[in-house]
Protein backbone atom coordinates (compact mmCIF):
# COMPACT_ATOMS: atom_id res chain seq x y z
CA MET A 1 10.14 -23.79 37.78
CA ASP A 2 11.39 -27.25 37.21
CA SER A 3 14.02 -28.15 39.35
CA HIS A 4 15.15 -31.86 37.70
CA ASP A 5 16.51 -31.01 34.46
CA ALA A 6 19.45 -29.38 35.70
CA LEU A 7 22.03 -30.69 38.05
CA SER A 8 22.39 -28.94 41.38
CA ALA A 9 24.22 -25.65 41.48
CA ASP A 10 27.53 -27.05 42.72
CA GLU A 11 27.61 -29.00 39.53
CA SER A 12 26.65 -26.36 37.14
CA PRO A 13 29.19 -25.45 34.52
CA LEU A 14 31.62 -22.56 35.92
CA VAL A 15 30.57 -18.90 34.51
CA ALA A 16 33.34 -16.65 35.09
CA SER A 17 31.95 -13.40 33.55
CA LEU A 18 28.76 -12.67 30.70
CA VAL A 19 31.46 -13.73 27.98
CA ASP A 20 31.04 -17.27 28.97
CA LEU A 21 27.25 -17.07 28.52
CA GLY A 22 27.33 -15.60 25.05
CA TRP A 23 27.73 -12.10 25.87
CA PRO A 24 27.91 -10.48 22.09
CA ALA A 25 30.73 -7.55 22.64
CA ASP A 26 29.84 -3.90 21.39
CA ALA A 27 26.04 -5.29 20.55
CA TYR A 28 24.20 -3.43 23.40
CA PRO A 29 24.75 0.38 25.01
CA PRO A 30 25.89 0.25 28.54
CA ALA A 31 23.26 -0.69 30.98
CA PRO A 32 21.77 2.60 32.96
CA PRO A 33 22.76 2.99 36.42
CA GLY A 34 21.32 0.57 38.79
CA MET A 35 20.56 -2.24 36.09
CA ARG A 36 23.19 -4.86 34.71
CA PRO A 37 23.17 -7.26 31.75
CA ALA A 38 22.04 -10.66 32.35
CA ARG A 39 21.02 -14.08 30.12
CA ILE A 40 17.72 -15.84 31.03
CA THR A 41 18.80 -19.49 31.71
CA GLN A 42 15.43 -21.03 32.36
CA GLN A 43 11.93 -20.14 32.13
CA GLY A 44 9.03 -20.59 33.94
CA ARG A 45 5.52 -19.44 34.84
CA GLY A 46 5.76 -15.59 36.28
CA ALA A 47 9.69 -16.38 37.01
CA TRP A 48 12.71 -17.41 35.30
CA HIS A 49 16.37 -18.06 35.66
CA GLY A 50 19.05 -16.04 35.05
CA HIS A 51 22.67 -15.48 35.10
CA ASP A 52 24.66 -11.98 35.20
CA GLY A 53 28.08 -13.38 34.71
CA ALA A 54 28.62 -13.60 38.77
CA ASP A 55 25.29 -15.21 39.90
CA ASP A 56 22.57 -17.22 39.40
CA LEU A 57 19.47 -15.25 39.51
CA VAL A 58 15.99 -15.76 40.43
CA LEU A 59 14.00 -13.21 38.07
CA ARG A 60 10.49 -11.73 38.28
CA ALA A 61 9.34 -9.31 35.91
CA ARG A 62 8.84 -5.56 37.19
CA SER A 63 6.10 -4.62 34.91
CA ARG A 64 2.98 -6.95 33.66
CA SER A 65 3.42 -5.18 30.49
CA LEU A 66 6.90 -6.18 29.95
CA GLU A 67 7.12 -6.99 26.25
CA PRO A 68 8.46 -9.23 24.56
CA THR A 69 7.77 -12.03 27.49
CA PRO A 70 11.45 -13.14 28.27
CA VAL A 71 12.35 -16.86 26.98
CA THR A 72 15.27 -18.92 27.36
CA GLY A 73 17.93 -17.12 25.52
CA ASP A 74 17.12 -13.95 26.29
CA TRP A 75 19.65 -10.74 27.18
CA VAL A 76 17.57 -8.87 29.94
CA LEU A 77 18.57 -5.55 32.00
CA VAL A 78 17.99 -6.79 35.87
CA SER A 79 17.92 -5.03 38.81
CA GLY A 80 18.12 -5.83 42.85
CA GLU A 81 20.82 -6.92 44.75
CA ASP A 82 19.74 -10.37 45.87
CA PRO A 83 20.59 -12.90 43.69
CA MET A 84 17.23 -14.78 44.94
CA ASP A 85 14.98 -11.87 44.22
CA CYS A 86 15.81 -9.54 41.06
CA TRP A 87 13.48 -7.60 38.78
CA VAL A 88 13.95 -8.12 34.68
CA GLU A 89 13.55 -4.06 33.75
CA ALA A 90 13.57 -4.64 30.02
CA VAL A 91 14.43 -7.45 27.21
CA LEU A 92 16.87 -6.26 24.86
CA PRO A 93 16.87 -6.57 21.19
CA ARG A 94 17.00 -10.26 20.01
CA ARG A 95 19.35 -11.32 17.20
CA SER A 96 17.76 -14.28 16.57
CA GLU A 97 13.77 -15.69 17.54
CA LEU A 98 13.07 -19.74 16.77
CA ALA A 99 9.42 -19.75 17.02
CA ARG A 100 6.77 -22.14 15.84
CA ALA A 101 2.70 -21.91 15.65
CA GLU A 102 1.09 -22.71 18.72
CA ALA A 103 -0.03 -25.98 19.01
CA GLY A 104 -3.99 -26.75 18.87
CA GLY A 105 -3.92 -24.55 15.52
CA ARG A 106 -3.92 -20.89 17.36
CA SER A 107 -2.47 -18.37 14.70
CA ALA A 108 -0.07 -17.07 17.09
CA ALA A 109 3.57 -17.67 17.82
CA GLN A 110 5.51 -19.74 20.30
CA VAL A 111 9.17 -18.24 20.89
CA LEU A 112 11.49 -21.19 21.78
CA ALA A 113 14.48 -19.43 22.12
CA ALA A 114 16.35 -16.38 21.35
CA ASN A 115 19.64 -15.31 20.73
CA VAL A 116 20.82 -18.44 19.00
CA ASP A 117 23.54 -18.80 16.39
CA LEU A 118 22.76 -22.16 15.36
CA VAL A 119 20.36 -24.86 15.84
CA ALA A 120 20.97 -28.49 15.85
CA ILE A 121 17.86 -30.68 14.51
CA CYS A 122 18.14 -33.76 16.07
CA ALA A 123 16.66 -37.14 14.78
CA ALA A 124 17.65 -40.80 15.59
CA VAL A 125 19.47 -42.43 12.92
CA ASP A 126 16.99 -45.32 12.84
CA GLY A 127 13.70 -43.35 12.89
CA VAL A 128 14.42 -39.93 10.90
CA ASN A 129 11.05 -38.69 9.53
CA PRO A 130 12.36 -36.13 6.75
CA ARG A 131 8.40 -33.98 6.56
CA ARG A 132 9.44 -32.95 9.98
CA VAL A 133 12.47 -31.99 9.21
CA GLU A 134 11.65 -30.16 6.58
CA ARG A 135 8.92 -28.15 9.06
CA GLU A 136 12.16 -27.73 11.36
CA LEU A 137 14.40 -26.36 9.13
CA THR A 138 11.81 -23.94 8.05
CA ALA A 139 11.48 -22.49 11.26
CA VAL A 140 14.97 -22.14 11.97
CA TRP A 141 16.04 -20.63 8.56
CA SER A 142 13.15 -18.01 9.36
CA SER A 143 14.53 -17.40 12.90
CA GLY A 144 17.93 -15.91 11.76
CA ALA A 145 20.18 -18.63 12.88
CA THR A 146 21.76 -21.45 10.87
CA PRO A 147 20.48 -24.88 11.01
CA VAL A 148 22.65 -28.32 11.41
CA VAL A 149 21.25 -31.59 11.03
CA VAL A 150 22.15 -34.30 13.87
CA LEU A 151 21.55 -37.85 13.72
CA THR A 152 21.93 -39.18 16.93
CA LYS A 153 22.43 -42.79 18.31
CA SER A 154 24.56 -43.65 15.26
CA ASP A 155 25.88 -46.63 17.05
CA LEU A 156 22.56 -48.55 16.37
CA GLY A 157 24.50 -49.42 13.16
CA GLU A 158 22.27 -47.52 10.62
CA ASP A 159 24.32 -47.33 7.59
CA GLY A 160 23.36 -43.77 6.81
CA PRO A 161 20.37 -41.17 5.99
CA ALA A 162 17.84 -42.58 3.73
CA PRO A 163 18.44 -40.48 0.31
CA GLU A 164 15.01 -38.88 1.03
CA LEU A 165 16.53 -36.90 3.89
CA ASP A 166 19.76 -36.35 1.77
CA ALA A 167 17.26 -34.57 -0.57
CA VAL A 168 15.45 -32.60 2.35
CA CYS A 169 18.79 -31.31 3.59
CA VAL A 170 19.64 -29.05 0.61
CA GLY A 171 22.81 -26.91 1.62
CA VAL A 172 22.80 -27.78 5.37
CA GLU A 173 25.60 -30.02 7.18
CA VAL A 174 24.35 -33.36 8.24
CA VAL A 175 26.39 -34.72 10.99
CA ARG A 176 26.10 -38.43 12.67
CA VAL A 177 26.77 -38.33 16.48
CA SER A 178 26.94 -41.21 18.88
CA SER A 179 26.94 -40.22 22.76
CA VAL A 180 28.24 -43.87 23.38
CA THR A 181 31.02 -44.17 21.19
CA GLY A 182 31.75 -40.42 20.35
CA GLU A 183 31.62 -40.44 16.88
CA GLY A 184 30.71 -36.90 15.25
CA LEU A 185 31.07 -35.09 18.76
CA ASP A 186 34.42 -32.99 17.42
CA ARG A 187 32.88 -32.58 14.19
CA LEU A 188 29.63 -30.83 16.03
CA ARG A 189 32.21 -29.21 18.51
CA ALA A 190 33.69 -27.82 15.31
CA VAL A 191 31.16 -25.61 14.90
CA LEU A 192 30.52 -24.19 17.96
CA GLY A 193 32.86 -22.11 20.18
CA GLU A 194 33.24 -19.00 22.31
CA GLY A 195 30.11 -16.73 21.94
CA ILE A 196 28.11 -19.42 19.85
CA THR A 197 24.71 -20.23 21.49
CA LEU A 198 23.62 -23.99 19.79
CA ALA A 199 19.81 -24.90 20.58
CA LEU A 200 18.79 -28.54 20.37
CA ILE A 201 15.48 -29.29 19.00
CA GLY A 202 13.41 -32.80 18.10
CA PRO A 203 10.94 -34.93 19.57
CA SER A 204 11.69 -37.08 22.80
CA GLY A 205 13.70 -39.76 22.97
CA VAL A 206 16.04 -38.75 20.08
CA GLY A 207 18.92 -38.08 22.60
CA LYS A 208 19.29 -34.64 23.06
CA SER A 209 20.06 -34.11 26.92
CA THR A 210 22.53 -36.77 26.31
CA LEU A 211 23.90 -35.06 23.64
CA VAL A 212 24.33 -32.29 25.40
CA ASN A 213 26.32 -33.45 28.60
CA ALA A 214 28.68 -35.51 26.07
CA LEU A 215 29.49 -32.52 24.00
CA ALA A 216 30.11 -30.98 28.00
CA GLY A 217 32.12 -33.81 28.80
CA ARG A 218 30.17 -34.42 32.14
CA GLU A 219 26.49 -34.57 33.42
CA VAL A 220 25.07 -31.30 33.31
CA LEU A 221 21.77 -32.43 32.33
CA ALA A 222 19.35 -35.39 33.86
CA THR A 223 18.57 -37.69 31.43
CA GLN A 224 15.99 -40.87 31.13
CA ARG A 225 15.92 -44.14 29.49
CA VAL A 226 13.72 -44.33 26.26
CA ARG A 227 10.54 -46.30 27.29
CA SER A 228 10.22 -50.08 26.20
CA ASP A 229 8.10 -49.02 23.25
CA GLY A 230 10.66 -46.94 22.17
CA LYS A 231 8.68 -43.86 22.62
CA GLY A 232 10.88 -40.93 24.12
CA ARG A 233 10.41 -39.69 28.03
CA HIS A 234 9.96 -35.99 28.12
CA THR A 235 13.31 -35.62 30.68
CA THR A 236 13.65 -31.99 29.90
CA THR A 237 10.53 -30.04 30.60
CA SER A 238 11.74 -26.55 30.08
CA ARG A 239 14.06 -25.13 28.20
CA HIS A 240 17.74 -24.99 29.92
CA LEU A 241 20.72 -22.91 28.64
CA VAL A 242 23.88 -24.48 29.78
CA PRO A 243 26.86 -22.53 29.35
CA VAL A 244 30.32 -24.96 28.81
CA PRO A 245 33.65 -23.09 28.94
CA GLY A 246 35.83 -23.64 25.97
CA ILE A 247 32.67 -25.06 23.80
CA GLY A 248 30.19 -22.16 23.86
CA VAL A 249 26.65 -22.26 25.14
CA LEU A 250 23.90 -25.10 24.93
CA LEU A 251 20.11 -25.00 24.70
CA ASP A 252 18.10 -28.33 25.70
CA THR A 253 14.40 -27.70 24.85
CA PRO A 254 11.66 -30.65 25.53
CA GLY A 255 10.47 -33.09 22.87
CA MET A 256 7.77 -31.99 20.85
CA ARG A 257 5.23 -34.35 19.27
CA GLU A 258 4.08 -31.90 16.46
CA PHE A 259 6.04 -29.00 15.24
CA ALA A 260 4.23 -25.86 13.09
CA PRO A 261 6.80 -23.72 12.00
CA TRP A 262 6.16 -20.04 12.28
CA ALA A 263 7.69 -18.81 9.09
CA ASP A 264 7.28 -16.81 5.67
CA GLU A 265 8.15 -17.39 2.10
CA ASP A 266 11.93 -16.64 2.14
CA ALA A 267 12.03 -19.37 4.67
CA LEU A 268 10.63 -21.47 2.74
CA ALA A 269 12.48 -21.07 -0.16
CA GLU A 270 15.45 -21.65 1.57
CA THR A 271 14.15 -24.90 2.93
CA PHE A 272 12.92 -26.08 -0.64
CA ALA A 273 15.78 -24.78 -2.80
CA ASP A 274 15.71 -27.40 -5.19
CA ILE A 275 12.15 -26.91 -5.87
CA ASP A 276 13.35 -23.18 -6.13
CA GLU A 277 16.31 -23.92 -8.30
CA LEU A 278 14.05 -26.11 -10.69
CA ALA A 279 11.63 -23.06 -10.79
CA ARG A 280 13.84 -20.90 -12.89
CA ASP A 281 12.94 -22.95 -15.97
CA CYS A 282 9.38 -23.05 -15.55
CA ARG A 283 7.95 -20.82 -18.82
CA PHE A 284 6.26 -18.53 -16.56
CA SER A 285 7.89 -16.52 -13.96
CA ASP A 286 4.74 -16.43 -11.81
CA CYS A 287 4.24 -20.27 -11.93
CA SER A 288 2.38 -21.89 -9.07
CA HIS A 289 3.42 -25.58 -9.87
CA GLU A 290 -0.12 -26.74 -9.95
CA HIS A 291 -1.19 -27.06 -14.02
CA GLU A 292 0.57 -24.61 -15.83
CA PRO A 293 1.92 -25.49 -19.09
CA GLY A 294 5.90 -25.26 -19.27
CA CYS A 295 6.40 -25.96 -15.34
CA ALA A 296 10.03 -27.48 -15.11
CA VAL A 297 9.07 -28.20 -11.16
CA LEU A 298 5.82 -30.43 -12.44
CA ALA A 299 8.35 -32.16 -15.32
CA ALA A 300 10.98 -33.12 -12.41
CA ALA A 301 7.84 -34.57 -10.23
CA ASP A 302 6.62 -36.79 -13.23
CA ALA A 303 9.98 -38.53 -13.42
CA ASP A 304 10.96 -38.41 -9.75
CA GLU A 305 9.28 -39.84 -6.86
CA GLN A 306 11.74 -37.99 -4.18
CA ILE A 307 10.85 -34.71 -6.28
CA ALA A 308 7.35 -35.39 -6.15
CA ALA A 309 7.55 -36.04 -2.44
CA ARG A 310 9.47 -32.51 -1.91
CA LEU A 311 6.51 -30.76 -4.21
CA ALA A 312 4.18 -32.43 -2.29
CA SER A 313 5.54 -31.05 1.32
CA TRP A 314 6.14 -27.65 -0.63
CA ARG A 315 2.23 -27.28 -1.32
CA ALA A 316 1.04 -28.30 1.92
CA LEU A 317 3.28 -26.34 3.91
CA GLN A 318 2.78 -23.12 1.72
CA ARG A 319 -1.00 -23.93 2.52
CA GLU A 320 -0.12 -23.83 6.08
CA LEU A 321 2.00 -20.61 6.37
CA ALA A 322 -0.80 -18.86 4.27
CA TRP A 323 -3.74 -20.07 6.52
CA LEU A 324 -1.72 -19.13 9.75
CA ALA A 325 -0.83 -15.67 7.93
CA ARG A 326 -4.58 -15.37 7.32
CA ARG A 327 -5.59 -16.27 10.93
CA GLY A 328 -3.20 -13.72 12.30
CA ASP A 329 -4.52 -10.75 10.16
CA ALA A 330 -7.73 -11.80 11.28
CA ARG A 331 -6.82 -11.85 15.01
CA LEU A 332 -5.02 -8.82 14.72
CA MET A 333 -8.04 -7.04 13.10
CA ALA A 334 -10.49 -8.34 16.13
CA GLU A 335 -7.74 -7.05 18.44
CA GLU A 336 -7.65 -3.62 17.17
CA ARG A 337 -11.65 -3.84 16.80
CA ARG A 338 -11.51 -4.32 20.52
CA ARG A 339 -9.21 -1.67 21.17
CA TRP A 340 -11.37 0.86 19.75
CA VAL A 341 -14.65 -0.63 21.34
CA ALA A 342 -13.04 0.34 24.94
CA MET A 343 -11.97 3.44 23.42
CA ILE A 344 -15.44 4.40 22.90
CA LYS A 345 -16.89 3.25 25.81
CA GLU A 346 -14.31 5.06 27.95
CA GLY A 347 -14.86 8.11 26.08
CA ARG A 348 -18.69 7.67 26.68
CA SER A 349 -18.07 7.35 30.43
CA ARG A 350 -16.04 10.46 30.67
CA THR A 351 -18.69 12.52 28.83
CA ARG A 352 -21.53 11.38 31.58
CA MET A 353 -19.37 12.54 34.43
CA ASP A 354 -18.07 15.64 32.85
CA PRO A 355 -21.10 17.57 32.22
CA ARG A 356 -18.79 19.92 30.45
CA ARG A 357 -18.65 17.40 27.67
CA ARG A 358 -22.44 17.13 26.76
């Protein structure tokens, strides 16, 4: 497990109870005897860090078949008296699940964080990529959390987001912040509070860890300078949950070069609410916005370059999500076939071993 992402334990934020970790009152039944709830604060390979409101814990899975695999933000039931050697017995139901499609074109979801209330989509004010923001918004809407777009490094002097970004952030709050001057920090703190978990996502170098430190009012995560070529360094190499008394719970994530959302049509409709609104005036209720006569979306795209760009992004994401769904169905079918083949082989083996079954 990577230990350099956070500072030493004696400098970590004070955790006096599960409430400081965002424990949702009355959300879960009492823990069985010999077990207690804890929250995953950092995930690694085969082991996790967690906190039960009293101690930092080093956790291992009791069973290899533990499902789902715990991720940062998960609430789990743990056992064991030694904080350095505890067991994850079960993962409690998730209220939200932020996921993306695994890198490399695989048709599987990679869960980035669980039980998140808000997701800050971070982008440096001088290098916003509206197409990436659209993808991240789609993933957040699908997760069950609420997105907020955070434009970092506002002290660089940029006037504001481009009109194209305004079109992308339909119904989403956009906050300009500077960890240097403090601009926007109070506005961002205003959406937080006790029991609220905020996850920060975005590419490397946009200042997510620095923003966590600024919100906390002290250095709780290590940071590095951006490289001389302007590209970000991967300061955070694992997802790390930081409780901050009086503010809430912050969840920093590593920078991701690519972001393919794992989402559904409903999330796509949330992200492209402007396209959805235009579609209400189409002649046909099942209009695909490709070539149909009387298509209000095509008419608007012909008259406005920004709408045309949004329509192109909507089409691309729709194709991508449909492809992932088809690949996912094929993968599930293949897994089911392998399971049946294994069962048949096992049945034949038992028949050969038991003469009474011949």
